[in-house]
Amino acid sequence: MAAVFMFSTSTVVIYTGIAPRWMAYIGFLLALTVLIGGQNIGWSLAVLPVWVLLISLYILMDNLAGVRRPT
């Protein structure tokens, strides 16, 4: 389920441009890693939360950079 979520979210990132394409490509690569070797790789449990954190931090920083306070 984590791999399917990462594939679909990476596709949305590419089509909407809410994050850089390199983040979407990392998402595809990590999703493929989880899909193929998820049971054999011990750190694969942490892949989804770390990837979601990466995307979330980028969106948060992008939104905060665009906010200007009136003087």
N, C-alpha and C. Protein backbone atom coordinates (compact mmCIF):
# COMPACT_ATOMS: atom_id res chain seq x y z
N MET A 1 0.82 -1.19 0.00
CA MET A 1 0.00 0.00 0.00
C MET A 1 0.87 1.26 0.00
N ALA A 2 1.99 1.19 0.70
CA ALA A 2 2.89 2.35 0.73
C ALA A 2 3.43 2.65 -0.66
N ALA A 3 3.77 1.61 -1.40
CA ALA A 3 4.31 1.82 -2.75
C ALA A 3 3.26 2.43 -3.68
N VAL A 4 2.02 1.97 -3.58
CA VAL A 4 0.95 2.51 -4.41
C VAL A 4 0.72 3.98 -4.07
N PHE A 5 0.73 4.31 -2.79
CA PHE A 5 0.57 5.71 -2.37
C PHE A 5 1.70 6.57 -2.92
N MET A 6 2.93 6.07 -2.85
CA MET A 6 4.07 6.85 -3.33
C MET A 6 4.03 7.00 -4.84
N PHE A 7 3.63 5.95 -5.57
CA PHE A 7 3.50 6.06 -7.03
C PHE A 7 2.44 7.10 -7.40
N SER A 8 1.29 7.04 -6.77
CA SER A 8 0.22 7.97 -7.14
C SER A 8 0.56 9.40 -6.74
N THR A 9 1.15 9.59 -5.59
CA THR A 9 1.51 10.94 -5.16
C THR A 9 2.63 11.51 -6.03
N SER A 10 3.57 10.69 -6.43
CA SER A 10 4.64 11.16 -7.32
C SER A 10 4.07 11.57 -8.67
N THR A 11 3.08 10.84 -9.14
CA THR A 11 2.43 11.20 -10.40
C THR A 11 1.71 12.54 -10.27
N VAL A 12 1.05 12.75 -9.15
CA VAL A 12 0.36 14.03 -8.91
C VAL A 12 1.38 15.16 -8.84
N VAL A 13 2.51 14.92 -8.21
CA VAL A 13 3.56 15.94 -8.12
C VAL A 13 4.05 16.33 -9.52
N ILE A 14 4.23 15.37 -10.39
CA ILE A 14 4.70 15.68 -11.74
C ILE A 14 3.64 16.47 -12.52
N TYR A 15 2.39 16.06 -12.44
CA TYR A 15 1.34 16.72 -13.22
C TYR A 15 0.98 18.11 -12.69
N THR A 16 1.02 18.30 -11.37
CA THR A 16 0.63 19.60 -10.81
C THR A 16 1.79 20.55 -10.58
N GLY A 17 2.98 20.01 -10.40
CA GLY A 17 4.14 20.87 -10.16
C GLY A 17 4.19 21.43 -8.76
N ILE A 18 3.59 20.77 -7.77
CA ILE A 18 3.60 21.29 -6.41
C ILE A 18 4.95 21.09 -5.73
N ALA A 19 5.79 20.28 -6.33
CA ALA A 19 7.15 20.05 -5.82
C ALA A 19 8.04 19.80 -7.04
N PRO A 20 9.34 19.87 -6.86
CA PRO A 20 10.24 19.63 -8.00
C PRO A 20 10.13 18.20 -8.53
N ARG A 21 10.44 18.05 -9.80
CA ARG A 21 10.37 16.74 -10.43
C ARG A 21 11.33 15.74 -9.79
N TRP A 22 12.48 16.22 -9.31
CA TRP A 22 13.43 15.29 -8.71
C TRP A 22 12.84 14.62 -7.47
N MET A 23 11.97 15.30 -6.75
CA MET A 23 11.31 14.67 -5.61
C MET A 23 10.35 13.57 -6.06
N ALA A 24 9.68 13.81 -7.17
CA ALA A 24 8.78 12.79 -7.71
C ALA A 24 9.57 11.57 -8.17
N TYR A 25 10.71 11.81 -8.81
CA TYR A 25 11.53 10.69 -9.28
C TYR A 25 12.09 9.90 -8.11
N ILE A 26 12.45 10.58 -7.04
CA ILE A 26 12.88 9.88 -5.82
C ILE A 26 11.72 9.05 -5.27
N GLY A 27 10.52 9.59 -5.32
CA GLY A 27 9.35 8.85 -4.87
C GLY A 27 9.12 7.60 -5.69
N PHE A 28 9.27 7.70 -7.02
CA PHE A 28 9.13 6.52 -7.87
C PHE A 28 10.19 5.48 -7.53
N LEU A 29 11.42 5.91 -7.36
CA LEU A 29 12.51 4.98 -7.06
C LEU A 29 12.31 4.29 -5.71
N LEU A 30 11.92 5.07 -4.71
CA LEU A 30 11.69 4.48 -3.38
C LEU A 30 10.47 3.56 -3.38
N ALA A 31 9.44 3.93 -4.13
CA ALA A 31 8.26 3.07 -4.21
C ALA A 31 8.60 1.75 -4.88
N LEU A 32 9.40 1.81 -5.91
CA LEU A 32 9.83 0.58 -6.57
C LEU A 32 10.66 -0.28 -5.63
N THR A 33 11.50 0.36 -4.82
CA THR A 33 12.30 -0.36 -3.84
C THR A 33 11.41 -1.04 -2.81
N VAL A 34 10.42 -0.33 -2.32
CA VAL A 34 9.50 -0.92 -1.34
C VAL A 34 8.69 -2.04 -1.97
N LEU A 35 8.26 -1.85 -3.21
CA LEU A 35 7.44 -2.85 -3.88
C LEU A 35 8.20 -4.15 -4.14
N ILE A 36 9.44 -4.01 -4.58
CA ILE A 36 10.22 -5.20 -4.94
C ILE A 36 10.89 -5.84 -3.73
N GLY A 37 11.55 -5.03 -2.91
CA GLY A 37 12.33 -5.62 -1.83
C GLY A 37 11.87 -5.25 -0.44
N GLY A 38 10.61 -4.94 -0.30
CA GLY A 38 10.09 -4.47 0.99
C GLY A 38 10.25 -5.47 2.12
N GLN A 39 10.12 -6.74 1.83
CA GLN A 39 10.23 -7.74 2.89
C GLN A 39 11.67 -8.08 3.21
N ASN A 40 12.58 -7.83 2.28
CA ASN A 40 13.98 -8.19 2.48
C ASN A 40 14.83 -7.06 3.02
N ILE A 41 14.36 -5.84 2.89
CA ILE A 41 15.14 -4.67 3.30
C ILE A 41 14.57 -4.14 4.60
N GLY A 42 15.41 -4.09 5.63
CA GLY A 42 14.94 -3.70 6.96
C GLY A 42 14.50 -2.25 7.06
N TRP A 43 15.16 -1.35 6.34
CA TRP A 43 14.84 0.07 6.46
C TRP A 43 13.65 0.47 5.59
N SER A 44 13.05 -0.48 4.90
CA SER A 44 11.94 -0.13 4.00
C SER A 44 10.70 0.35 4.76
N LEU A 45 10.60 0.02 6.03
CA LEU A 45 9.47 0.51 6.83
C LEU A 45 9.52 2.02 7.02
N ALA A 46 10.71 2.59 6.99
CA ALA A 46 10.87 4.02 7.23
C ALA A 46 10.82 4.85 5.95
N VAL A 47 10.73 4.20 4.80
CA VAL A 47 10.78 4.92 3.53
C VAL A 47 9.58 5.85 3.35
N LEU A 48 8.39 5.35 3.58
CA LEU A 48 7.19 6.17 3.37
C LEU A 48 7.15 7.38 4.31
N PRO A 49 7.35 7.21 5.61
CA PRO A 49 7.31 8.41 6.47
C PRO A 49 8.38 9.44 6.14
N VAL A 50 9.56 9.00 5.77
CA VAL A 50 10.63 9.95 5.42
C VAL A 50 10.30 10.67 4.12
N TRP A 51 9.74 9.96 3.15
CA TRP A 51 9.39 10.59 1.89
C TRP A 51 8.25 11.59 2.07
N VAL A 52 7.27 11.24 2.86
CA VAL A 52 6.16 12.16 3.15
C VAL A 52 6.68 13.39 3.88
N LEU A 53 7.61 13.19 4.81
CA LEU A 53 8.21 14.33 5.51
C LEU A 53 8.95 15.25 4.55
N LEU A 54 9.68 14.67 3.59
CA LEU A 54 10.40 15.46 2.61
C LEU A 54 9.45 16.32 1.77
N ILE A 55 8.40 15.71 1.27
CA ILE A 55 7.42 16.45 0.47
C ILE A 55 6.72 17.52 1.31
N SER A 56 6.35 17.16 2.53
CA SER A 56 5.63 18.09 3.41
C SER A 56 6.51 19.29 3.77
N LEU A 57 7.77 19.06 4.07
CA LEU A 57 8.67 20.17 4.41
C LEU A 57 8.87 21.09 3.21
N TYR A 58 8.98 20.51 2.02
CA TYR A 58 9.13 21.36 0.84
C TYR A 58 7.90 22.24 0.64
N ILE A 59 6.72 21.66 0.74
CA ILE A 59 5.49 22.44 0.55
C ILE A 59 5.37 23.50 1.63
N LEU A 60 5.69 23.17 2.87
CA LEU A 60 5.63 24.13 3.96
C LEU A 60 6.59 25.29 3.73
N MET A 61 7.84 24.99 3.37
CA MET A 61 8.83 26.05 3.14
C MET A 61 8.45 26.91 1.95
N ASP A 62 7.89 26.29 0.92
CA ASP A 62 7.47 27.04 -0.26
C ASP A 62 6.33 27.99 0.08
N ASN A 63 5.38 27.53 0.88
CA ASN A 63 4.27 28.40 1.27
C ASN A 63 4.71 29.50 2.21
N LEU A 64 5.62 29.24 3.13
CA LEU A 64 6.09 30.26 4.05
C LEU A 64 6.96 31.29 3.35
N ALA A 65 7.66 30.89 2.32
CA ALA A 65 8.52 31.83 1.58
C ALA A 65 7.67 32.83 0.78
N GLY A 66 6.48 32.45 0.41
CA GLY A 66 5.62 33.33 -0.37
C GLY A 66 4.81 34.30 0.46
N VAL A 67 4.78 34.12 1.78
CA VAL A 67 3.99 34.98 2.66
C VAL A 67 4.81 36.20 3.04
N ARG A 68 4.28 37.37 2.79
CA ARG A 68 4.94 38.62 3.16
C ARG A 68 4.09 39.34 4.19
N ARG A 69 4.72 39.79 5.24
CA ARG A 69 3.99 40.56 6.26
C ARG A 69 3.95 42.02 5.87
N PRO A 70 2.82 42.66 6.11
CA PRO A 70 2.75 44.11 5.81
C PRO A 70 3.61 44.89 6.79
N THR A 71 4.21 45.95 6.28
CA THR A 71 5.08 46.77 7.15
C THR A 71 4.36 47.95 7.73
